[in-house]
mmCIF file of all heavy atoms, coordinates in Angstrom:
data_MODEL
# 
_entry.id   MODEL 
# 
loop_
_atom_site.group_PDB 
_atom_site.id 
_atom_site.type_symbol 
_atom_site.label_atom_id 
_atom_site.label_alt_id 
_atom_site.label_comp_id 
_atom_site.label_asym_id 
_atom_site.label_entity_id 
_atom_site.label_seq_id 
_atom_site.pdbx_PDB_ins_code 
_atom_site.Cartn_x 
_atom_site.Cartn_y 
_atom_site.Cartn_z 
_atom_site.occupancy 
_atom_site.B_iso_or_equiv 
_atom_site.pdbx_formal_charge 
_atom_site.auth_seq_id 
_atom_site.auth_comp_id 
_atom_site.auth_asym_id 
_atom_site.auth_atom_id 
_atom_site.pdbx_PDB_model_num 
ATOM 1   N N   . GLY A 1 1  ? 0.810  -1.212  0.000   1.00 0.00 ? 1  GLY A N   1 
ATOM 2   C CA  . GLY A 1 1  ? 0.000  0.000   0.000   1.00 0.00 ? 1  GLY A CA  1 
ATOM 3   C C   . GLY A 1 1  ? 0.844  1.262   0.000   1.00 0.00 ? 1  GLY A C   1 
ATOM 4   O O   . GLY A 1 1  ? 0.375  2.326   0.415   1.00 0.00 ? 1  GLY A O   1 
ATOM 5   N N   . ALA A 1 2  ? 2.065  1.146   -0.458  1.00 0.00 ? 2  ALA A N   1 
ATOM 6   C CA  . ALA A 1 2  ? 2.987  2.293   -0.479  1.00 0.00 ? 2  ALA A CA  1 
ATOM 7   C C   . ALA A 1 2  ? 4.105  2.018   -1.476  1.00 0.00 ? 2  ALA A C   1 
ATOM 8   O O   . ALA A 1 2  ? 4.346  0.870   -1.861  1.00 0.00 ? 2  ALA A O   1 
ATOM 9   C CB  . ALA A 1 2  ? 3.568  2.529   0.904   1.00 0.00 ? 2  ALA A CB  1 
ATOM 10  N N   . GLN A 1 3  ? 4.784  3.078   -1.868  1.00 0.00 ? 3  GLN A N   1 
ATOM 11  C CA  . GLN A 1 3  ? 5.918  2.920   -2.785  1.00 0.00 ? 3  GLN A CA  1 
ATOM 12  C C   . GLN A 1 3  ? 7.177  3.605   -2.266  1.00 0.00 ? 3  GLN A C   1 
ATOM 13  O O   . GLN A 1 3  ? 8.141  3.784   -2.997  1.00 0.00 ? 3  GLN A O   1 
ATOM 14  C CB  . GLN A 1 3  ? 5.550  3.404   -4.179  1.00 0.00 ? 3  GLN A CB  1 
ATOM 15  C CG  . GLN A 1 3  ? 4.921  4.763   -4.262  1.00 0.00 ? 3  GLN A CG  1 
ATOM 16  C CD  . GLN A 1 3  ? 4.361  5.020   -5.653  1.00 0.00 ? 3  GLN A CD  1 
ATOM 17  O OE1 . GLN A 1 3  ? 4.012  4.117   -6.410  1.00 0.00 ? 3  GLN A OE1 1 
ATOM 18  N NE2 . GLN A 1 3  ? 4.264  6.290   -5.998  1.00 0.00 ? 3  GLN A NE2 1 
ATOM 19  N N   . ASN A 1 4  ? 7.183  3.947   -0.974  1.00 0.00 ? 4  ASN A N   1 
ATOM 20  C CA  . ASN A 1 4  ? 8.343  4.646   -0.407  1.00 0.00 ? 4  ASN A CA  1 
ATOM 21  C C   . ASN A 1 4  ? 9.371  3.669   0.163   1.00 0.00 ? 4  ASN A C   1 
ATOM 22  O O   . ASN A 1 4  ? 9.829  3.790   1.274   1.00 0.00 ? 4  ASN A O   1 
ATOM 23  C CB  . ASN A 1 4  ? 7.898  5.646   0.669   1.00 0.00 ? 4  ASN A CB  1 
ATOM 24  C CG  . ASN A 1 4  ? 7.114  5.010   1.794   1.00 0.00 ? 4  ASN A CG  1 
ATOM 25  O OD1 . ASN A 1 4  ? 6.321  4.113   1.575   1.00 0.00 ? 4  ASN A OD1 1 
ATOM 26  N ND2 . ASN A 1 4  ? 7.341  5.483   3.015   1.00 0.00 ? 4  ASN A ND2 1 
ATOM 27  N N   . PHE A 1 5  ? 9.755  2.696   -0.683  1.00 0.00 ? 5  PHE A N   1 
ATOM 28  C CA  . PHE A 1 5  ? 10.855 1.790   -0.359  1.00 0.00 ? 5  PHE A CA  1 
ATOM 29  C C   . PHE A 1 5  ? 11.926 1.951   -1.435  1.00 0.00 ? 5  PHE A C   1 
ATOM 30  O O   . PHE A 1 5  ? 11.623 2.283   -2.591  1.00 0.00 ? 5  PHE A O   1 
ATOM 31  C CB  . PHE A 1 5  ? 10.378 0.332   -0.277  1.00 0.00 ? 5  PHE A CB  1 
ATOM 32  C CG  . PHE A 1 5  ? 9.639  -0.147  -1.501  1.00 0.00 ? 5  PHE A CG  1 
ATOM 33  C CD1 . PHE A 1 5  ? 10.324 -0.617  -2.610  1.00 0.00 ? 5  PHE A CD1 1 
ATOM 34  C CD2 . PHE A 1 5  ? 8.257  -0.112  -1.549  1.00 0.00 ? 5  PHE A CD2 1 
ATOM 35  C CE1 . PHE A 1 5  ? 9.648  -1.043  -3.746  1.00 0.00 ? 5  PHE A CE1 1 
ATOM 36  C CE2 . PHE A 1 5  ? 7.557  -0.541  -2.677  1.00 0.00 ? 5  PHE A CE2 1 
ATOM 37  C CZ  . PHE A 1 5  ? 8.265  -1.006  -3.776  1.00 0.00 ? 5  PHE A CZ  1 
ATOM 38  N N   . ALA A 1 6  ? 13.174 1.742   -1.046  1.00 0.00 ? 6  ALA A N   1 
ATOM 39  C CA  . ALA A 1 6  ? 14.279 1.865   -1.994  1.00 0.00 ? 6  ALA A CA  1 
ATOM 40  C C   . ALA A 1 6  ? 14.245 0.701   -2.970  1.00 0.00 ? 6  ALA A C   1 
ATOM 41  O O   . ALA A 1 6  ? 13.829 -0.408  -2.623  1.00 0.00 ? 6  ALA A O   1 
ATOM 42  C CB  . ALA A 1 6  ? 15.608 1.906   -1.239  1.00 0.00 ? 6  ALA A CB  1 
ATOM 43  N N   . ARG A 1 7  ? 14.681 0.987   -4.178  1.00 0.00 ? 7  ARG A N   1 
ATOM 44  C CA  . ARG A 1 7  ? 14.767 -0.066  -5.176  1.00 0.00 ? 7  ARG A CA  1 
ATOM 45  C C   . ARG A 1 7  ? 16.009 0.129   -6.014  1.00 0.00 ? 7  ARG A C   1 
ATOM 46  O O   . ARG A 1 7  ? 16.402 1.259   -6.336  1.00 0.00 ? 7  ARG A O   1 
ATOM 47  C CB  . ARG A 1 7  ? 13.505 -0.165  -6.018  1.00 0.00 ? 7  ARG A CB  1 
ATOM 48  C CG  . ARG A 1 7  ? 13.229 0.888   -7.055  1.00 0.00 ? 7  ARG A CG  1 
ATOM 49  C CD  . ARG A 1 7  ? 12.555 2.163   -6.590  1.00 0.00 ? 7  ARG A CD  1 
ATOM 50  N NE  . ARG A 1 7  ? 11.501 2.046   -5.614  1.00 0.00 ? 7  ARG A NE  1 
ATOM 51  C CZ  . ARG A 1 7  ? 10.220 1.893   -5.892  1.00 0.00 ? 7  ARG A CZ  1 
ATOM 52  N NH1 . ARG A 1 7  ? 9.826  1.836   -7.125  1.00 0.00 ? 7  ARG A NH1 1 
ATOM 53  N NH2 . ARG A 1 7  ? 9.330  1.845   -4.932  1.00 0.00 ? 7  ARG A NH2 1 
ATOM 54  N N   . LEU A 1 8  ? 16.649 -0.981  -6.347  1.00 0.00 ? 8  LEU A N   1 
ATOM 55  C CA  . LEU A 1 8  ? 17.841 -1.003  -7.190  1.00 0.00 ? 8  LEU A CA  1 
ATOM 56  C C   . LEU A 1 8  ? 17.484 -1.824  -8.418  1.00 0.00 ? 8  LEU A C   1 
ATOM 57  O O   . LEU A 1 8  ? 17.173 -3.014  -8.312  1.00 0.00 ? 8  LEU A O   1 
ATOM 58  C CB  . LEU A 1 8  ? 19.018 -1.640  -6.450  1.00 0.00 ? 8  LEU A CB  1 
ATOM 59  C CG  . LEU A 1 8  ? 20.305 -1.832  -7.247  1.00 0.00 ? 8  LEU A CG  1 
ATOM 60  C CD1 . LEU A 1 8  ? 20.862 -0.485  -7.731  1.00 0.00 ? 8  LEU A CD1 1 
ATOM 61  C CD2 . LEU A 1 8  ? 21.341 -2.573  -6.412  1.00 0.00 ? 8  LEU A CD2 1 
ATOM 62  N N   . ARG A 1 9  ? 17.495 -1.157  -9.572  1.00 0.00 ? 9  ARG A N   1 
ATOM 63  C CA  . ARG A 1 9  ? 17.163 -1.828  -10.821 1.00 0.00 ? 9  ARG A CA  1 
ATOM 64  C C   . ARG A 1 9  ? 18.431 -2.096  -11.604 1.00 0.00 ? 9  ARG A C   1 
ATOM 65  O O   . ARG A 1 9  ? 19.309 -1.233  -11.687 1.00 0.00 ? 9  ARG A O   1 
ATOM 66  C CB  . ARG A 1 9  ? 16.210 -0.969  -11.641 1.00 0.00 ? 9  ARG A CB  1 
ATOM 67  C CG  . ARG A 1 9  ? 14.845 -0.815  -10.998 1.00 0.00 ? 9  ARG A CG  1 
ATOM 68  C CD  . ARG A 1 9  ? 13.951 0.043   -11.848 1.00 0.00 ? 9  ARG A CD  1 
ATOM 69  N NE  . ARG A 1 9  ? 12.598 0.022   -11.336 1.00 0.00 ? 9  ARG A NE  1 
ATOM 70  C CZ  . ARG A 1 9  ? 11.534 0.369   -12.039 1.00 0.00 ? 9  ARG A CZ  1 
ATOM 71  N NH1 . ARG A 1 9  ? 11.663 0.775   -13.278 1.00 0.00 ? 9  ARG A NH1 1 
ATOM 72  N NH2 . ARG A 1 9  ? 10.342 0.327   -11.498 1.00 0.00 ? 9  ARG A NH2 1 
ATOM 73  N N   . LEU A 1 10 ? 18.484 -3.280  -12.196 1.00 0.00 ? 10 LEU A N   1 
ATOM 74  C CA  . LEU A 1 10 ? 19.632 -3.687  -12.995 1.00 0.00 ? 10 LEU A CA  1 
ATOM 75  C C   . LEU A 1 10 ? 19.210 -3.793  -14.454 1.00 0.00 ? 10 LEU A C   1 
ATOM 76  O O   . LEU A 1 10 ? 18.256 -4.510  -14.779 1.00 0.00 ? 10 LEU A O   1 
ATOM 77  C CB  . LEU A 1 10 ? 20.166 -5.040  -12.524 1.00 0.00 ? 10 LEU A CB  1 
ATOM 78  C CG  . LEU A 1 10 ? 20.988 -5.036  -11.235 1.00 0.00 ? 10 LEU A CG  1 
ATOM 79  C CD1 . LEU A 1 10 ? 20.134 -4.799  -10.016 1.00 0.00 ? 10 LEU A CD1 1 
ATOM 80  C CD2 . LEU A 1 10 ? 21.752 -6.327  -11.098 1.00 0.00 ? 10 LEU A CD2 1 
ATOM 81  N N   . GLY A 1 11 ? 19.926 -3.083  -15.295 1.00 0.00 ? 11 GLY A N   1 
ATOM 82  C CA  . GLY A 1 11 ? 19.602 -3.083  -16.719 1.00 0.00 ? 11 GLY A CA  1 
ATOM 83  C C   . GLY A 1 11 ? 19.917 -4.418  -17.364 1.00 0.00 ? 11 GLY A C   1 
ATOM 84  O O   . GLY A 1 11 ? 21.049 -4.897  -17.293 1.00 0.00 ? 11 GLY A O   1 
ATOM 85  N N   . ILE A 1 12 ? 18.913 -4.998  -17.997 1.00 0.00 ? 12 ILE A N   1 
ATOM 86  C CA  . ILE A 1 12 ? 19.103 -6.282  -18.681 1.00 0.00 ? 12 ILE A CA  1 
ATOM 87  C C   . ILE A 1 12 ? 19.059 -6.106  -20.196 1.00 0.00 ? 12 ILE A C   1 
ATOM 88  O O   . ILE A 1 12 ? 19.042 -7.075  -20.942 1.00 0.00 ? 12 ILE A O   1 
ATOM 89  C CB  . ILE A 1 12 ? 18.057 -7.326  -18.228 1.00 0.00 ? 12 ILE A CB  1 
ATOM 90  C CG1 . ILE A 1 12 ? 16.628 -6.852  -18.501 1.00 0.00 ? 12 ILE A CG1 1 
ATOM 91  C CG2 . ILE A 1 12 ? 18.264 -7.675  -16.755 1.00 0.00 ? 12 ILE A CG2 1 
ATOM 92  C CD1 . ILE A 1 12 ? 15.558 -7.921  -18.305 1.00 0.00 ? 12 ILE A CD1 1 
ATOM 93  N N   . GLY A 1 13 ? 19.053 -4.868  -20.648 1.00 0.00 ? 13 GLY A N   1 
ATOM 94  C CA  . GLY A 1 13 ? 19.034 -4.587  -22.075 1.00 0.00 ? 13 GLY A CA  1 
ATOM 95  C C   . GLY A 1 13 ? 17.627 -4.415  -22.584 1.00 0.00 ? 13 GLY A C   1 
ATOM 96  O O   . GLY A 1 13 ? 16.668 -4.870  -21.963 1.00 0.00 ? 13 GLY A O   1 
ATOM 97  N N   . GLU A 1 14 ? 17.520 -3.750  -23.708 1.00 0.00 ? 14 GLU A N   1 
ATOM 98  C CA  . GLU A 1 14 ? 16.205 -3.483  -24.280 1.00 0.00 ? 14 GLU A CA  1 
ATOM 99  C C   . GLU A 1 14 ? 15.618 -4.744  -24.897 1.00 0.00 ? 14 GLU A C   1 
ATOM 100 O O   . GLU A 1 14 ? 16.346 -5.607  -25.392 1.00 0.00 ? 14 GLU A O   1 
ATOM 101 C CB  . GLU A 1 14 ? 16.322 -2.376  -25.320 1.00 0.00 ? 14 GLU A CB  1 
ATOM 102 C CG  . GLU A 1 14 ? 16.729 -1.052  -24.697 1.00 0.00 ? 14 GLU A CG  1 
ATOM 103 C CD  . GLU A 1 14 ? 16.830 0.060   -25.718 1.00 0.00 ? 14 GLU A CD  1 
ATOM 104 O OE1 . GLU A 1 14 ? 16.048 0.048   -26.685 1.00 0.00 ? 14 GLU A OE1 1 
ATOM 105 O OE2 . GLU A 1 14 ? 17.691 0.922   -25.524 1.00 0.00 ? 14 GLU A OE2 1 
ATOM 106 N N   . VAL A 1 15 ? 14.311 -4.837  -24.876 1.00 0.00 ? 15 VAL A N   1 
ATOM 107 C CA  . VAL A 1 15 ? 13.600 -6.013  -25.373 1.00 0.00 ? 15 VAL A CA  1 
ATOM 108 C C   . VAL A 1 15 ? 13.968 -6.278  -26.829 1.00 0.00 ? 15 VAL A C   1 
ATOM 109 O O   . VAL A 1 15 ? 13.893 -5.388  -27.674 1.00 0.00 ? 15 VAL A O   1 
ATOM 110 C CB  . VAL A 1 15 ? 12.076 -5.811  -25.235 1.00 0.00 ? 15 VAL A CB  1 
ATOM 111 C CG1 . VAL A 1 15 ? 11.316 -6.968  -25.862 1.00 0.00 ? 15 VAL A CG1 1 
ATOM 112 C CG2 . VAL A 1 15 ? 11.696 -5.653  -23.786 1.00 0.00 ? 15 VAL A CG2 1 
ATOM 113 N N   . THR A 1 16 ? 14.361 -7.529  -27.089 1.00 0.00 ? 16 THR A N   1 
ATOM 114 C CA  . THR A 1 16 ? 14.694 -7.937  -28.455 1.00 0.00 ? 16 THR A CA  1 
ATOM 115 C C   . THR A 1 16 ? 13.791 -9.073  -28.931 1.00 0.00 ? 16 THR A C   1 
ATOM 116 O O   . THR A 1 16 ? 13.947 -9.557  -30.034 1.00 0.00 ? 16 THR A O   1 
ATOM 117 C CB  . THR A 1 16 ? 16.167 -8.405  -28.551 1.00 0.00 ? 16 THR A CB  1 
ATOM 118 O OG1 . THR A 1 16 ? 16.355 -9.486  -27.636 1.00 0.00 ? 16 THR A OG1 1 
ATOM 119 C CG2 . THR A 1 16 ? 17.127 -7.279  -28.225 1.00 0.00 ? 16 THR A CG2 1 
ATOM 120 N N   . ALA A 1 17 ? 12.845 -9.501  -28.098 1.00 0.00 ? 17 ALA A N   1 
ATOM 121 C CA  . ALA A 1 17 ? 11.900 -10.561 -28.466 1.00 0.00 ? 17 ALA A CA  1 
ATOM 122 C C   . ALA A 1 17 ? 10.578 -9.934  -28.890 1.00 0.00 ? 17 ALA A C   1 
ATOM 123 O O   . ALA A 1 17 ? 10.360 -8.737  -28.703 1.00 0.00 ? 17 ALA A O   1 
ATOM 124 C CB  . ALA A 1 17 ? 11.692 -11.503 -27.278 1.00 0.00 ? 17 ALA A CB  1 
ATOM 125 N N   . ALA A 1 18 ? 9.696  -10.775 -29.434 1.00 0.00 ? 18 ALA A N   1 
ATOM 126 C CA  . ALA A 1 18 ? 8.385  -10.290 -29.883 1.00 0.00 ? 18 ALA A CA  1 
ATOM 127 C C   . ALA A 1 18 ? 7.565  -9.747  -28.722 1.00 0.00 ? 18 ALA A C   1 
ATOM 128 O O   . ALA A 1 18 ? 6.771  -8.841  -28.893 1.00 0.00 ? 18 ALA A O   1 
ATOM 129 C CB  . ALA A 1 18 ? 7.628  -11.409 -30.587 1.00 0.00 ? 18 ALA A CB  1 
ATOM 130 N N   . ASN A 1 19 ? 7.753  -10.293 -27.526 1.00 0.00 ? 19 ASN A N   1 
ATOM 131 C CA  . ASN A 1 19 ? 7.058  -9.747  -26.364 1.00 0.00 ? 19 ASN A CA  1 
ATOM 132 C C   . ASN A 1 19 ? 7.989  -9.718  -25.163 1.00 0.00 ? 19 ASN A C   1 
ATOM 133 O O   . ASN A 1 19 ? 9.005  -10.418 -25.118 1.00 0.00 ? 19 ASN A O   1 
ATOM 134 C CB  . ASN A 1 19 ? 5.750  -10.499 -26.080 1.00 0.00 ? 19 ASN A CB  1 
ATOM 135 C CG  . ASN A 1 19 ? 5.972  -11.895 -25.553 1.00 0.00 ? 19 ASN A CG  1 
ATOM 136 O OD1 . ASN A 1 19 ? 6.657  -12.083 -24.562 1.00 0.00 ? 19 ASN A OD1 1 
ATOM 137 N ND2 . ASN A 1 19 ? 5.390  -12.883 -26.215 1.00 0.00 ? 19 ASN A ND2 1 
ATOM 138 N N   . ASN A 1 20 ? 7.616  -8.901  -24.190 1.00 0.00 ? 20 ASN A N   1 
ATOM 139 C CA  . ASN A 1 20 ? 8.463  -8.686  -23.013 1.00 0.00 ? 20 ASN A CA  1 
ATOM 140 C C   . ASN A 1 20 ? 8.705  -9.968  -22.232 1.00 0.00 ? 20 ASN A C   1 
ATOM 141 O O   . ASN A 1 20 ? 9.808  -10.208 -21.751 1.00 0.00 ? 20 ASN A O   1 
ATOM 142 C CB  . ASN A 1 20 ? 7.820  -7.654  -22.086 1.00 0.00 ? 20 ASN A CB  1 
ATOM 143 C CG  . ASN A 1 20 ? 7.663  -6.302  -22.732 1.00 0.00 ? 20 ASN A CG  1 
ATOM 144 O OD1 . ASN A 1 20 ? 8.202  -6.042  -23.798 1.00 0.00 ? 20 ASN A OD1 1 
ATOM 145 N ND2 . ASN A 1 20 ? 6.909  -5.436  -22.089 1.00 0.00 ? 20 ASN A ND2 1 
ATOM 146 N N   . ALA A 1 21 ? 7.667  -10.800 -22.064 1.00 0.00 ? 21 ALA A N   1 
ATOM 147 C CA  . ALA A 1 21 ? 7.792  -12.021 -21.269 1.00 0.00 ? 21 ALA A CA  1 
ATOM 148 C C   . ALA A 1 21 ? 8.853  -12.947 -21.855 1.00 0.00 ? 21 ALA A C   1 
ATOM 149 O O   . ALA A 1 21 ? 9.663  -13.514 -21.109 1.00 0.00 ? 21 ALA A O   1 
ATOM 150 C CB  . ALA A 1 21 ? 6.454  -12.737 -21.162 1.00 0.00 ? 21 ALA A CB  1 
ATOM 151 N N   . ASP A 1 22 ? 8.859  -13.128 -23.180 1.00 0.00 ? 22 ASP A N   1 
ATOM 152 C CA  . ASP A 1 22 ? 9.870  -13.987 -23.795 1.00 0.00 ? 22 ASP A CA  1 
ATOM 153 C C   . ASP A 1 22 ? 11.270 -13.447 -23.529 1.00 0.00 ? 22 ASP A C   1 
ATOM 154 O O   . ASP A 1 22 ? 12.204 -14.211 -23.265 1.00 0.00 ? 22 ASP A O   1 
ATOM 155 C CB  . ASP A 1 22 ? 9.649  -14.088 -25.313 1.00 0.00 ? 22 ASP A CB  1 
ATOM 156 C CG  . ASP A 1 22 ? 8.423  -14.915 -25.668 1.00 0.00 ? 22 ASP A CG  1 
ATOM 157 O OD1 . ASP A 1 22 ? 7.940  -15.691 -24.820 1.00 0.00 ? 22 ASP A OD1 1 
ATOM 158 O OD2 . ASP A 1 22 ? 7.947  -14.773 -26.820 1.00 0.00 ? 22 ASP A OD2 1 
ATOM 159 N N   . TYR A 1 23 ? 11.413 -12.141 -23.599 1.00 0.00 ? 23 TYR A N   1 
ATOM 160 C CA  . TYR A 1 23 ? 12.736 -11.552 -23.401 1.00 0.00 ? 23 TYR A CA  1 
ATOM 161 C C   . TYR A 1 23 ? 13.218 -11.703 -21.961 1.00 0.00 ? 23 TYR A C   1 
ATOM 162 O O   . TYR A 1 23 ? 14.336 -12.155 -21.730 1.00 0.00 ? 23 TYR A O   1 
ATOM 163 C CB  . TYR A 1 23 ? 12.736 -10.067 -23.798 1.00 0.00 ? 23 TYR A CB  1 
ATOM 164 C CG  . TYR A 1 23 ? 14.101 -9.448  -23.659 1.00 0.00 ? 23 TYR A CG  1 
ATOM 165 C CD1 . TYR A 1 23 ? 15.122 -9.789  -24.538 1.00 0.00 ? 23 TYR A CD1 1 
ATOM 166 C CD2 . TYR A 1 23 ? 14.375 -8.548  -22.645 1.00 0.00 ? 23 TYR A CD2 1 
ATOM 167 C CE1 . TYR A 1 23 ? 16.390 -9.240  -24.412 1.00 0.00 ? 23 TYR A CE1 1 
ATOM 168 C CE2 . TYR A 1 23 ? 15.640 -7.988  -22.511 1.00 0.00 ? 23 TYR A CE2 1 
ATOM 169 C CZ  . TYR A 1 23 ? 16.639 -8.346  -23.397 1.00 0.00 ? 23 TYR A CZ  1 
ATOM 170 O OH  . TYR A 1 23 ? 17.902 -7.806  -23.259 1.00 0.00 ? 23 TYR A OH  1 
ATOM 171 N N   . VAL A 1 24 ? 12.393 -11.333 -20.981 1.00 0.00 ? 24 VAL A N   1 
ATOM 172 C CA  . VAL A 1 24 ? 12.864 -11.381 -19.591 1.00 0.00 ? 24 VAL A CA  1 
ATOM 173 C C   . VAL A 1 24 ? 13.078 -12.811 -19.121 1.00 0.00 ? 24 VAL A C   1 
ATOM 174 O O   . VAL A 1 24 ? 13.853 -13.042 -18.183 1.00 0.00 ? 24 VAL A O   1 
ATOM 175 C CB  . VAL A 1 24 ? 11.940 -10.607 -18.612 1.00 0.00 ? 24 VAL A CB  1 
ATOM 176 C CG1 . VAL A 1 24 ? 11.879 -9.137  -18.989 1.00 0.00 ? 24 VAL A CG1 1 
ATOM 177 C CG2 . VAL A 1 24 ? 10.567 -11.231 -18.512 1.00 0.00 ? 24 VAL A CG2 1 
# 
């Protein structure tokens, strides 16, 4: 119920598959 937590995102590269699910 909140978004005030820290987050660290790691770049995995831009989507190269037909859809996001296949890529990730």
